[in-house]
């Protein structure tokens, strides 16, 4: 409840009120716009192409921050896109209404240093856990699932911090035997 970080997430509704600050994954939005741009229906394709162009421009801003004029022009084009298709009852309308719901989370990376535009890094970081689950067929109980989640999370955290998972586990068990809390300052 007291976490004050910035979550980079897909656009699922559960994330919209879960944390105070959130950056939506632009790669997911780009894939969705690209799919729409490839549709045979000219209206859907036009919306998809416009959305794709604006989302790609936004991504490029991560490497080359816009001037005030560039930002205002980009924002005006995005608002025009949303206004144009907002009332449509097709996938174009769904896409722009989704962009409108995500508006506050589209450009957090421009306001906060170090925030990424996509979930790609976190998805790569958890790939090993997905592969473990596929190889092992998962667990047979909720308790087993919680244990695996914690152990795999610890393993990845240790890897990212260049720490030995084994040494951290040994310290935690030793502290448990003596009724002490393990050192978590490095987390």
N, C-alpha and C. Protein backbone atom coordinates (compact mmCIF):
# COMPACT_ATOMS: atom_id res chain seq x y z
N UNK A 1 0.80 -1.21 0.00
CA UNK A 1 0.00 0.00 0.00
C UNK A 1 0.84 1.27 0.00
N UNK A 2 2.07 1.21 0.53
CA UNK A 2 2.88 2.42 0.61
C UNK A 2 3.95 2.48 -0.49
N UNK A 3 3.82 1.64 -1.50
CA UNK A 3 4.77 1.65 -2.60
C UNK A 3 4.60 2.92 -3.41
N UNK A 4 5.69 3.63 -3.68
CA UNK A 4 5.57 4.90 -4.40
C UNK A 4 6.31 4.87 -5.73
N UNK A 5 6.54 3.68 -6.26
CA UNK A 5 7.23 3.55 -7.54
C UNK A 5 6.31 3.85 -8.71
N UNK A 6 6.86 3.67 -9.90
CA UNK A 6 6.10 3.87 -11.13
C UNK A 6 6.01 2.52 -11.82
N UNK A 7 4.81 2.08 -12.06
CA UNK A 7 4.56 0.79 -12.70
C UNK A 7 4.50 0.98 -14.21
N UNK A 8 5.24 0.15 -14.94
CA UNK A 8 5.11 0.10 -16.40
C UNK A 8 4.27 -1.13 -16.68
N UNK A 9 3.10 -0.92 -17.31
CA UNK A 9 2.16 -2.03 -17.46
C UNK A 9 1.44 -1.98 -18.79
N UNK A 10 0.78 -3.08 -19.07
CA UNK A 10 -0.12 -3.11 -20.22
C UNK A 10 -1.34 -2.28 -19.84
N UNK A 11 -2.24 -2.12 -20.75
CA UNK A 11 -3.38 -1.24 -20.51
C UNK A 11 -4.57 -1.89 -19.83
N UNK A 12 -4.38 -3.01 -19.16
CA UNK A 12 -5.50 -3.66 -18.48
C UNK A 12 -6.10 -2.73 -17.44
N UNK A 13 -7.41 -2.78 -17.31
CA UNK A 13 -8.14 -1.90 -16.41
C UNK A 13 -7.69 -1.99 -14.96
N UNK A 14 -7.26 -3.17 -14.51
CA UNK A 14 -6.87 -3.33 -13.12
C UNK A 14 -5.70 -2.41 -12.76
N UNK A 15 -4.84 -2.10 -13.71
CA UNK A 15 -3.68 -1.26 -13.42
C UNK A 15 -4.03 0.22 -13.35
N UNK A 16 -5.16 0.62 -13.89
CA UNK A 16 -5.49 2.04 -13.98
C UNK A 16 -5.68 2.70 -12.63
N UNK A 17 -6.07 1.96 -11.61
CA UNK A 17 -6.24 2.55 -10.28
C UNK A 17 -5.35 1.89 -9.23
N UNK A 18 -4.48 1.00 -9.66
CA UNK A 18 -3.68 0.23 -8.72
C UNK A 18 -2.56 1.03 -8.08
N UNK A 19 -1.93 1.89 -8.85
CA UNK A 19 -0.82 2.70 -8.33
C UNK A 19 -1.02 4.16 -8.72
N UNK A 20 -0.32 5.03 -8.02
CA UNK A 20 -0.46 6.46 -8.28
C UNK A 20 0.13 6.84 -9.64
N UNK A 21 1.30 6.31 -9.97
CA UNK A 21 1.94 6.64 -11.25
C UNK A 21 2.15 5.38 -12.05
N UNK A 22 1.83 5.50 -13.35
CA UNK A 22 1.93 4.34 -14.22
C UNK A 22 2.27 4.79 -15.63
N UNK A 23 3.16 4.05 -16.27
CA UNK A 23 3.48 4.25 -17.68
C UNK A 23 2.89 3.06 -18.42
N UNK A 24 2.05 3.32 -19.40
CA UNK A 24 1.49 2.22 -20.17
C UNK A 24 2.52 1.76 -21.20
N UNK A 25 2.52 0.48 -21.50
CA UNK A 25 3.47 -0.10 -22.44
C UNK A 25 3.13 0.36 -23.85
N UNK A 26 4.00 1.17 -24.42
CA UNK A 26 3.74 1.68 -25.76
C UNK A 26 3.87 0.60 -26.82
N UNK A 27 4.68 -0.42 -26.57
CA UNK A 27 4.82 -1.51 -27.55
C UNK A 27 3.50 -2.24 -27.74
N UNK A 28 2.75 -2.44 -26.67
CA UNK A 28 1.45 -3.10 -26.79
C UNK A 28 0.49 -2.24 -27.62
N UNK A 29 0.50 -0.95 -27.38
CA UNK A 29 -0.37 -0.05 -28.14
C UNK A 29 0.04 0.01 -29.61
N UNK A 30 1.34 0.00 -29.85
CA UNK A 30 1.84 0.03 -31.23
C UNK A 30 1.43 -1.24 -31.97
N UNK A 31 1.54 -2.40 -31.32
CA UNK A 31 1.10 -3.65 -31.97
C UNK A 31 -0.39 -3.60 -32.29
N UNK A 32 -1.17 -3.06 -31.37
CA UNK A 32 -2.61 -2.96 -31.60
C UNK A 32 -2.91 -2.02 -32.77
N UNK A 33 -2.23 -0.87 -32.82
CA UNK A 33 -2.43 0.08 -33.92
C UNK A 33 -1.96 -0.52 -35.24
N UNK A 34 -0.84 -1.23 -35.22
CA UNK A 34 -0.33 -1.86 -36.44
C UNK A 34 -1.33 -2.88 -36.98
N UNK A 35 -1.93 -3.66 -36.09
CA UNK A 35 -2.94 -4.62 -36.51
C UNK A 35 -4.13 -3.94 -37.17
N UNK A 36 -4.53 -2.83 -36.61
CA UNK A 36 -5.65 -2.07 -37.18
C UNK A 36 -5.26 -1.47 -38.53
N UNK A 37 -4.03 -1.00 -38.64
CA UNK A 37 -3.55 -0.39 -39.89
C UNK A 37 -3.53 -1.40 -41.04
N UNK A 38 -3.44 -2.67 -40.72
CA UNK A 38 -3.37 -3.71 -41.75
C UNK A 38 -4.73 -4.26 -42.14
N UNK A 39 -5.78 -3.72 -41.58
CA UNK A 39 -7.13 -4.20 -41.89
C UNK A 39 -7.55 -3.78 -43.29
N UNK A 40 -8.45 -4.54 -43.88
CA UNK A 40 -8.92 -4.23 -45.24
C UNK A 40 -9.95 -3.10 -45.25
N UNK A 41 -10.63 -2.89 -44.15
CA UNK A 41 -11.60 -1.79 -44.05
C UNK A 41 -10.82 -0.47 -44.05
N UNK A 42 -11.06 0.40 -45.03
CA UNK A 42 -10.29 1.65 -45.15
C UNK A 42 -10.37 2.55 -43.91
N UNK A 43 -11.53 2.60 -43.27
CA UNK A 43 -11.70 3.45 -42.09
C UNK A 43 -10.85 2.93 -40.92
N UNK A 44 -10.87 1.62 -40.71
CA UNK A 44 -10.06 1.02 -39.65
C UNK A 44 -8.58 1.21 -39.95
N UNK A 45 -8.20 0.96 -41.20
CA UNK A 45 -6.80 1.09 -41.58
C UNK A 45 -6.31 2.53 -41.41
N UNK A 46 -7.14 3.50 -41.76
CA UNK A 46 -6.74 4.91 -41.62
C UNK A 46 -6.51 5.26 -40.16
N UNK A 47 -7.40 4.83 -39.30
CA UNK A 47 -7.24 5.09 -37.86
C UNK A 47 -5.98 4.41 -37.34
N UNK A 48 -5.78 3.16 -37.73
CA UNK A 48 -4.61 2.41 -37.29
C UNK A 48 -3.32 3.06 -37.73
N UNK A 49 -3.27 3.53 -38.97
CA UNK A 49 -2.05 4.18 -39.49
C UNK A 49 -1.76 5.48 -38.74
N UNK A 50 -2.80 6.26 -38.48
CA UNK A 50 -2.59 7.51 -37.74
C UNK A 50 -2.13 7.23 -36.31
N UNK A 51 -2.79 6.28 -35.65
CA UNK A 51 -2.41 5.94 -34.28
C UNK A 51 -0.99 5.39 -34.24
N UNK A 52 -0.67 4.53 -35.20
CA UNK A 52 0.68 3.95 -35.26
C UNK A 52 1.72 5.04 -35.41
N UNK A 53 1.49 5.98 -36.30
CA UNK A 53 2.46 7.07 -36.52
C UNK A 53 2.65 7.90 -35.25
N UNK A 54 1.57 8.22 -34.56
CA UNK A 54 1.69 9.05 -33.35
C UNK A 54 2.35 8.29 -32.20
N UNK A 55 2.03 7.02 -32.06
CA UNK A 55 2.65 6.22 -30.99
C UNK A 55 4.13 6.01 -31.26
N UNK A 56 4.50 5.82 -32.52
CA UNK A 56 5.92 5.68 -32.85
C UNK A 56 6.66 7.00 -32.60
N UNK A 57 6.02 8.11 -32.93
CA UNK A 57 6.63 9.42 -32.63
C UNK A 57 6.85 9.57 -31.13
N UNK A 58 5.85 9.16 -30.36
CA UNK A 58 5.97 9.25 -28.90
C UNK A 58 7.14 8.41 -28.41
N UNK A 59 7.29 7.21 -28.93
CA UNK A 59 8.42 6.35 -28.54
C UNK A 59 9.76 7.01 -28.87
N UNK A 60 9.85 7.65 -30.02
CA UNK A 60 11.10 8.31 -30.41
C UNK A 60 11.44 9.46 -29.47
N UNK A 61 10.44 10.02 -28.82
CA UNK A 61 10.68 11.11 -27.88
C UNK A 61 11.48 10.64 -26.66
N UNK A 62 11.49 9.34 -26.42
CA UNK A 62 12.29 8.81 -25.30
C UNK A 62 13.77 9.05 -25.55
N UNK A 63 14.18 9.04 -26.81
CA UNK A 63 15.60 9.22 -27.16
C UNK A 63 15.91 10.65 -27.59
N UNK A 64 14.89 11.36 -28.01
CA UNK A 64 15.06 12.73 -28.48
C UNK A 64 13.88 13.56 -27.98
N UNK A 65 13.99 14.08 -26.74
CA UNK A 65 12.87 14.82 -26.16
C UNK A 65 12.40 15.95 -27.07
N UNK A 66 11.09 16.15 -27.15
CA UNK A 66 10.54 17.15 -28.06
C UNK A 66 10.70 18.57 -27.54
N UNK A 67 10.70 19.50 -28.46
CA UNK A 67 10.63 20.92 -28.08
C UNK A 67 9.18 21.20 -27.69
N UNK A 68 8.94 22.36 -27.15
CA UNK A 68 7.56 22.72 -26.79
C UNK A 68 6.63 22.69 -27.99
N UNK A 69 7.11 23.21 -29.12
CA UNK A 69 6.30 23.22 -30.33
C UNK A 69 6.03 21.82 -30.86
N UNK A 70 7.05 20.97 -30.83
CA UNK A 70 6.87 19.58 -31.28
C UNK A 70 5.86 18.86 -30.39
N UNK A 71 5.96 19.11 -29.09
CA UNK A 71 5.04 18.46 -28.17
C UNK A 71 3.61 18.91 -28.42
N UNK A 72 3.39 20.20 -28.56
CA UNK A 72 2.04 20.72 -28.81
C UNK A 72 1.47 20.18 -30.11
N UNK A 73 2.30 20.08 -31.14
CA UNK A 73 1.83 19.55 -32.43
C UNK A 73 1.46 18.08 -32.29
N UNK A 74 2.29 17.32 -31.59
CA UNK A 74 2.00 15.89 -31.39
C UNK A 74 0.70 15.72 -30.59
N UNK A 75 0.59 16.47 -29.52
CA UNK A 75 -0.60 16.37 -28.66
C UNK A 75 -1.86 16.75 -29.43
N UNK A 76 -1.77 17.78 -30.26
CA UNK A 76 -2.92 18.20 -31.06
C UNK A 76 -3.33 17.10 -32.04
N UNK A 77 -2.34 16.44 -32.66
CA UNK A 77 -2.66 15.34 -33.59
C UNK A 77 -3.31 14.18 -32.85
N UNK A 78 -2.81 13.85 -31.66
CA UNK A 78 -3.40 12.76 -30.88
C UNK A 78 -4.84 13.10 -30.49
N UNK A 79 -5.05 14.31 -30.02
CA UNK A 79 -6.41 14.72 -29.63
C UNK A 79 -7.35 14.72 -30.83
N UNK A 80 -6.85 15.14 -32.00
CA UNK A 80 -7.67 15.12 -33.21
C UNK A 80 -8.05 13.68 -33.58
N UNK A 81 -7.10 12.77 -33.47
CA UNK A 81 -7.36 11.35 -33.75
C UNK A 81 -8.45 10.83 -32.82
N UNK A 82 -8.33 11.12 -31.55
CA UNK A 82 -9.31 10.65 -30.56
C UNK A 82 -10.68 11.25 -30.85
N UNK A 83 -10.72 12.55 -31.10
CA UNK A 83 -11.99 13.23 -31.38
C UNK A 83 -12.66 12.66 -32.63
N UNK A 84 -11.86 12.40 -33.65
CA UNK A 84 -12.40 11.93 -34.93
C UNK A 84 -13.07 10.56 -34.82
N UNK A 85 -12.46 9.65 -34.05
CA UNK A 85 -12.96 8.27 -34.01
C UNK A 85 -13.68 7.90 -32.71
N UNK A 86 -13.76 8.80 -31.76
CA UNK A 86 -14.28 8.48 -30.43
C UNK A 86 -15.67 7.87 -30.44
N UNK A 87 -16.55 8.35 -31.25
CA UNK A 87 -17.94 7.87 -31.26
C UNK A 87 -18.15 6.64 -32.14
N UNK A 88 -17.13 6.22 -32.85
CA UNK A 88 -17.27 5.06 -33.74
C UNK A 88 -17.49 3.79 -32.90
N UNK A 89 -18.35 2.93 -33.38
CA UNK A 89 -18.70 1.69 -32.65
C UNK A 89 -17.86 0.50 -33.11
N UNK A 90 -16.78 0.77 -33.81
CA UNK A 90 -15.93 -0.31 -34.32
C UNK A 90 -14.60 -0.33 -33.57
N UNK A 91 -13.64 -1.07 -34.10
CA UNK A 91 -12.34 -1.20 -33.44
C UNK A 91 -11.56 0.11 -33.41
N UNK A 92 -11.81 0.98 -34.37
CA UNK A 92 -11.16 2.29 -34.35
C UNK A 92 -11.62 3.07 -33.12
N UNK A 93 -12.91 3.05 -32.87
CA UNK A 93 -13.45 3.72 -31.68
C UNK A 93 -12.92 3.09 -30.40
N UNK A 94 -12.83 1.77 -30.39
CA UNK A 94 -12.30 1.09 -29.20
C UNK A 94 -10.86 1.51 -28.93
N UNK A 95 -10.05 1.58 -30.00
CA UNK A 95 -8.65 1.96 -29.83
C UNK A 95 -8.52 3.38 -29.29
N UNK A 96 -9.22 4.33 -29.87
CA UNK A 96 -9.05 5.72 -29.42
C UNK A 96 -9.64 5.93 -28.03
N UNK A 97 -10.70 5.22 -27.70
CA UNK A 97 -11.23 5.33 -26.33
C UNK A 97 -10.23 4.74 -25.33
N UNK A 98 -9.53 3.69 -25.74
CA UNK A 98 -8.48 3.12 -24.89
C UNK A 98 -7.34 4.13 -24.73
N UNK A 99 -6.95 4.77 -25.81
CA UNK A 99 -5.90 5.80 -25.72
C UNK A 99 -6.33 6.93 -24.78
N UNK A 100 -7.58 7.31 -24.86
CA UNK A 100 -8.10 8.37 -23.98
C UNK A 100 -8.03 7.94 -22.51
N UNK A 101 -8.43 6.69 -22.22
CA UNK A 101 -8.35 6.18 -20.84
C UNK A 101 -6.90 6.14 -20.35
N UNK A 102 -5.98 5.87 -21.26
CA UNK A 102 -4.57 5.73 -20.90
C UNK A 102 -3.81 7.05 -20.97
N UNK A 103 -4.48 8.13 -21.31
CA UNK A 103 -3.83 9.40 -21.60
C UNK A 103 -2.77 9.80 -20.56
N UNK A 104 -3.11 9.75 -19.29
CA UNK A 104 -2.16 10.17 -18.25
C UNK A 104 -0.97 9.24 -18.12
N UNK A 105 -1.06 8.05 -18.68
CA UNK A 105 0.02 7.07 -18.55
C UNK A 105 0.82 6.91 -19.84
N UNK A 106 0.54 7.71 -20.85
CA UNK A 106 1.24 7.55 -22.13
C UNK A 106 2.65 8.13 -22.12
N UNK A 107 2.89 9.21 -21.40
CA UNK A 107 4.17 9.90 -21.50
C UNK A 107 4.85 10.13 -20.15
N UNK A 108 4.59 9.29 -19.18
CA UNK A 108 5.26 9.41 -17.88
C UNK A 108 6.77 9.33 -18.06
N UNK A 109 7.24 8.54 -19.04
CA UNK A 109 8.68 8.39 -19.29
C UNK A 109 9.34 9.73 -19.64
N UNK A 110 8.56 10.69 -20.13
CA UNK A 110 9.11 12.02 -20.44
C UNK A 110 9.23 12.88 -19.19
N UNK A 111 8.44 12.57 -18.18
CA UNK A 111 8.39 13.38 -16.96
C UNK A 111 9.27 12.82 -15.85
N UNK A 112 9.50 11.52 -15.86
CA UNK A 112 10.25 10.85 -14.79
C UNK A 112 11.46 10.14 -15.38
N UNK A 113 12.64 10.51 -14.93
CA UNK A 113 13.88 9.90 -15.42
C UNK A 113 13.91 8.40 -15.11
N UNK A 114 14.33 7.62 -16.07
CA UNK A 114 14.52 6.19 -15.86
C UNK A 114 13.31 5.32 -16.15
N UNK A 115 12.16 5.91 -16.41
CA UNK A 115 10.96 5.12 -16.71
C UNK A 115 11.04 4.67 -18.16
N UNK A 116 10.78 3.39 -18.38
CA UNK A 116 10.85 2.84 -19.73
C UNK A 116 9.50 2.95 -20.43
N UNK A 117 9.54 2.90 -21.75
CA UNK A 117 8.33 3.05 -22.55
C UNK A 117 7.59 1.73 -22.74
N UNK A 118 8.24 0.62 -22.42
CA UNK A 118 7.62 -0.69 -22.66
C UNK A 118 7.85 -1.62 -21.48
N UNK A 119 7.15 -2.75 -21.51
CA UNK A 119 7.34 -3.79 -20.50
C UNK A 119 8.36 -4.83 -20.96
N UNK A 120 9.07 -4.57 -22.05
CA UNK A 120 9.97 -5.56 -22.63
C UNK A 120 11.01 -6.07 -21.65
N UNK A 121 11.63 -5.17 -20.89
CA UNK A 121 12.68 -5.60 -19.96
C UNK A 121 12.12 -6.52 -18.88
N UNK A 122 10.97 -6.16 -18.32
CA UNK A 122 10.40 -7.00 -17.27
C UNK A 122 9.93 -8.34 -17.83
N UNK A 123 9.41 -8.33 -19.06
CA UNK A 123 9.00 -9.60 -19.67
C UNK A 123 10.20 -10.50 -19.91
N UNK A 124 11.33 -9.92 -20.31
CA UNK A 124 12.55 -10.73 -20.48
C UNK A 124 13.05 -11.24 -19.13
N UNK A 125 12.93 -10.40 -18.10
CA UNK A 125 13.40 -10.80 -16.77
C UNK A 125 12.62 -11.99 -16.22
N UNK A 126 11.34 -12.08 -16.55
CA UNK A 126 10.51 -13.17 -16.02
C UNK A 126 10.40 -14.36 -16.96
N UNK A 127 11.08 -14.28 -18.10
CA UNK A 127 11.01 -15.39 -19.06
C UNK A 127 11.46 -16.70 -18.43
N UNK A 128 12.50 -16.65 -17.58
CA UNK A 128 13.00 -17.88 -16.96
C UNK A 128 11.92 -18.54 -16.11
N UNK A 129 11.08 -17.74 -15.46
CA UNK A 129 10.01 -18.30 -14.62
C UNK A 129 8.95 -18.97 -15.48
N UNK A 130 8.64 -18.36 -16.60
CA UNK A 130 7.67 -18.96 -17.53
C UNK A 130 8.21 -20.28 -18.05
N UNK A 131 9.49 -20.30 -18.41
CA UNK A 131 10.10 -21.53 -18.92
C UNK A 131 10.13 -22.61 -17.82
N UNK A 132 10.43 -22.21 -16.58
CA UNK A 132 10.42 -23.18 -15.48
C UNK A 132 9.04 -23.81 -15.36
N UNK A 133 8.00 -22.98 -15.39
CA UNK A 133 6.64 -23.48 -15.25
C UNK A 133 6.29 -24.46 -16.37
N UNK A 134 6.71 -24.15 -17.59
CA UNK A 134 6.43 -25.03 -18.72
C UNK A 134 7.15 -26.37 -18.57
N UNK A 135 8.41 -26.32 -18.14
CA UNK A 135 9.19 -27.56 -17.99
C UNK A 135 8.69 -28.41 -16.83
N UNK A 136 8.33 -27.76 -15.73
CA UNK A 136 7.98 -28.50 -14.51
C UNK A 136 6.50 -28.82 -14.41
N UNK A 137 5.68 -28.24 -15.29
CA UNK A 137 4.23 -28.42 -15.24
C UNK A 137 3.61 -27.69 -14.04
N UNK A 138 4.33 -26.75 -13.44
CA UNK A 138 3.78 -25.96 -12.34
C UNK A 138 3.79 -26.70 -11.02
N UNK A 139 2.91 -26.31 -10.12
CA UNK A 139 2.82 -26.93 -8.80
C UNK A 139 1.41 -27.49 -8.61
N UNK A 140 1.23 -28.21 -7.52
CA UNK A 140 -0.07 -28.84 -7.25
C UNK A 140 -0.88 -28.14 -6.19
N UNK A 141 -0.37 -27.04 -5.64
CA UNK A 141 -1.11 -26.37 -4.57
C UNK A 141 -0.84 -24.87 -4.59
N UNK A 142 -1.72 -24.13 -3.95
CA UNK A 142 -1.50 -22.68 -3.82
C UNK A 142 -0.25 -22.40 -3.01
N UNK A 143 -0.03 -23.20 -1.97
CA UNK A 143 1.15 -23.02 -1.13
C UNK A 143 2.42 -23.24 -1.95
N UNK A 144 2.42 -24.27 -2.77
CA UNK A 144 3.57 -24.53 -3.63
C UNK A 144 3.78 -23.41 -4.64
N UNK A 145 2.69 -22.91 -5.17
CA UNK A 145 2.79 -21.80 -6.14
C UNK A 145 3.37 -20.56 -5.48
N UNK A 146 2.94 -20.23 -4.26
CA UNK A 146 3.49 -19.06 -3.55
C UNK A 146 4.98 -19.26 -3.28
N UNK A 147 5.38 -20.48 -2.91
CA UNK A 147 6.79 -20.76 -2.63
C UNK A 147 7.62 -20.54 -3.90
N UNK A 148 7.15 -21.07 -5.00
CA UNK A 148 7.88 -20.93 -6.26
C UNK A 148 7.96 -19.46 -6.67
N UNK A 149 6.85 -18.73 -6.54
CA UNK A 149 6.86 -17.31 -6.89
C UNK A 149 7.91 -16.56 -6.08
N UNK A 150 7.97 -16.84 -4.79
CA UNK A 150 8.93 -16.15 -3.93
C UNK A 150 10.36 -16.54 -4.26
N UNK A 151 10.59 -17.82 -4.47
CA UNK A 151 11.95 -18.27 -4.75
C UNK A 151 12.44 -17.75 -6.10
N UNK A 152 11.60 -17.80 -7.12
CA UNK A 152 12.01 -17.30 -8.43
C UNK A 152 12.18 -15.78 -8.41
N UNK A 153 11.35 -15.09 -7.64
CA UNK A 153 11.51 -13.64 -7.49
C UNK A 153 12.83 -13.32 -6.80
N UNK A 154 13.15 -14.07 -5.75
CA UNK A 154 14.42 -13.88 -5.05
C UNK A 154 15.59 -14.16 -5.99
N UNK A 155 15.49 -15.23 -6.76
CA UNK A 155 16.56 -15.59 -7.69
C UNK A 155 16.82 -14.46 -8.69
N UNK A 156 15.77 -13.90 -9.26
CA UNK A 156 15.94 -12.83 -10.25
C UNK A 156 16.45 -11.55 -9.58
N UNK A 157 15.96 -11.24 -8.39
CA UNK A 157 16.44 -10.06 -7.67
C UNK A 157 17.92 -10.19 -7.36
N UNK A 158 18.33 -11.37 -6.91
CA UNK A 158 19.75 -11.60 -6.63
C UNK A 158 20.59 -11.47 -7.90
N UNK A 159 20.09 -12.01 -8.99
CA UNK A 159 20.82 -11.91 -10.26
C UNK A 159 21.01 -10.44 -10.64
N UNK A 160 19.95 -9.65 -10.52
CA UNK A 160 20.03 -8.23 -10.89
C UNK A 160 20.95 -7.45 -9.96
N UNK A 161 21.06 -7.89 -8.71
CA UNK A 161 21.90 -7.20 -7.73
C UNK A 161 23.29 -7.83 -7.63
N UNK A 162 23.59 -8.81 -8.49
CA UNK A 162 24.88 -9.51 -8.49
C UNK A 162 25.17 -10.14 -7.13
N UNK A 163 24.16 -10.78 -6.56
CA UNK A 163 24.29 -11.47 -5.28
C UNK A 163 24.07 -12.96 -5.47
N UNK A 164 24.62 -13.73 -4.58
CA UNK A 164 24.44 -15.17 -4.61
C UNK A 164 23.10 -15.53 -3.97
N UNK A 165 22.24 -16.19 -4.73
CA UNK A 165 20.95 -16.63 -4.19
C UNK A 165 21.18 -17.57 -3.02
N UNK A 166 22.14 -18.47 -3.18
CA UNK A 166 22.45 -19.43 -2.13
C UNK A 166 22.85 -18.72 -0.84
N UNK A 167 23.74 -17.74 -0.93
CA UNK A 167 24.20 -17.01 0.27
C UNK A 167 23.03 -16.28 0.94
N UNK A 168 22.15 -15.70 0.16
CA UNK A 168 21.00 -14.99 0.72
C UNK A 168 20.08 -15.97 1.43
N UNK A 169 19.84 -17.13 0.83
CA UNK A 169 18.98 -18.14 1.46
C UNK A 169 19.61 -18.69 2.74
N UNK A 170 20.92 -18.94 2.71
CA UNK A 170 21.61 -19.43 3.92
C UNK A 170 21.48 -18.41 5.04
N UNK A 171 21.67 -17.13 4.71
CA UNK A 171 21.54 -16.07 5.72
C UNK A 171 20.12 -16.03 6.28
N UNK A 172 19.12 -16.16 5.41
CA UNK A 172 17.72 -16.12 5.86
C UNK A 172 17.41 -17.29 6.79
N UNK A 173 17.89 -18.48 6.46
CA UNK A 173 17.65 -19.66 7.31
C UNK A 173 18.38 -19.50 8.64
N UNK A 174 19.64 -19.05 8.60
CA UNK A 174 20.40 -18.84 9.83
C UNK A 174 19.69 -17.84 10.74
N UNK A 175 19.24 -16.73 10.17
CA UNK A 175 18.53 -15.72 10.96
C UNK A 175 17.25 -16.29 11.55
N UNK A 176 16.56 -17.12 10.79
CA UNK A 176 15.33 -17.74 11.28
C UNK A 176 15.60 -18.61 12.50
N UNK A 177 16.70 -19.37 12.46
CA UNK A 177 17.06 -20.23 13.59
C UNK A 177 17.33 -19.42 14.86
N UNK A 178 17.86 -18.21 14.70
CA UNK A 178 18.20 -17.37 15.85
C UNK A 178 17.14 -16.31 16.16
N UNK A 179 16.00 -16.38 15.48
CA UNK A 179 14.92 -15.43 15.73
C UNK A 179 15.25 -14.01 15.30
N UNK A 180 16.12 -13.87 14.32
CA UNK A 180 16.52 -12.55 13.83
C UNK A 180 15.92 -12.31 12.44
N UNK A 181 15.96 -11.06 12.03
CA UNK A 181 15.54 -10.72 10.68
C UNK A 181 16.76 -10.66 9.77
N UNK A 182 16.67 -11.20 8.57
CA UNK A 182 17.81 -11.13 7.65
C UNK A 182 18.01 -9.71 7.14
N UNK A 183 19.20 -9.43 6.65
CA UNK A 183 19.51 -8.12 6.08
C UNK A 183 18.76 -7.96 4.76
N UNK A 184 17.88 -6.99 4.71
CA UNK A 184 17.13 -6.72 3.48
C UNK A 184 17.43 -5.31 2.94
N UNK A 185 18.44 -4.67 3.50
CA UNK A 185 18.77 -3.31 3.08
C UNK A 185 19.17 -3.25 1.61
N UNK A 186 19.68 -4.34 1.06
CA UNK A 186 20.13 -4.36 -0.33
C UNK A 186 18.98 -4.47 -1.33
N UNK A 187 17.78 -4.76 -0.82
CA UNK A 187 16.64 -4.92 -1.73
C UNK A 187 16.16 -3.63 -2.29
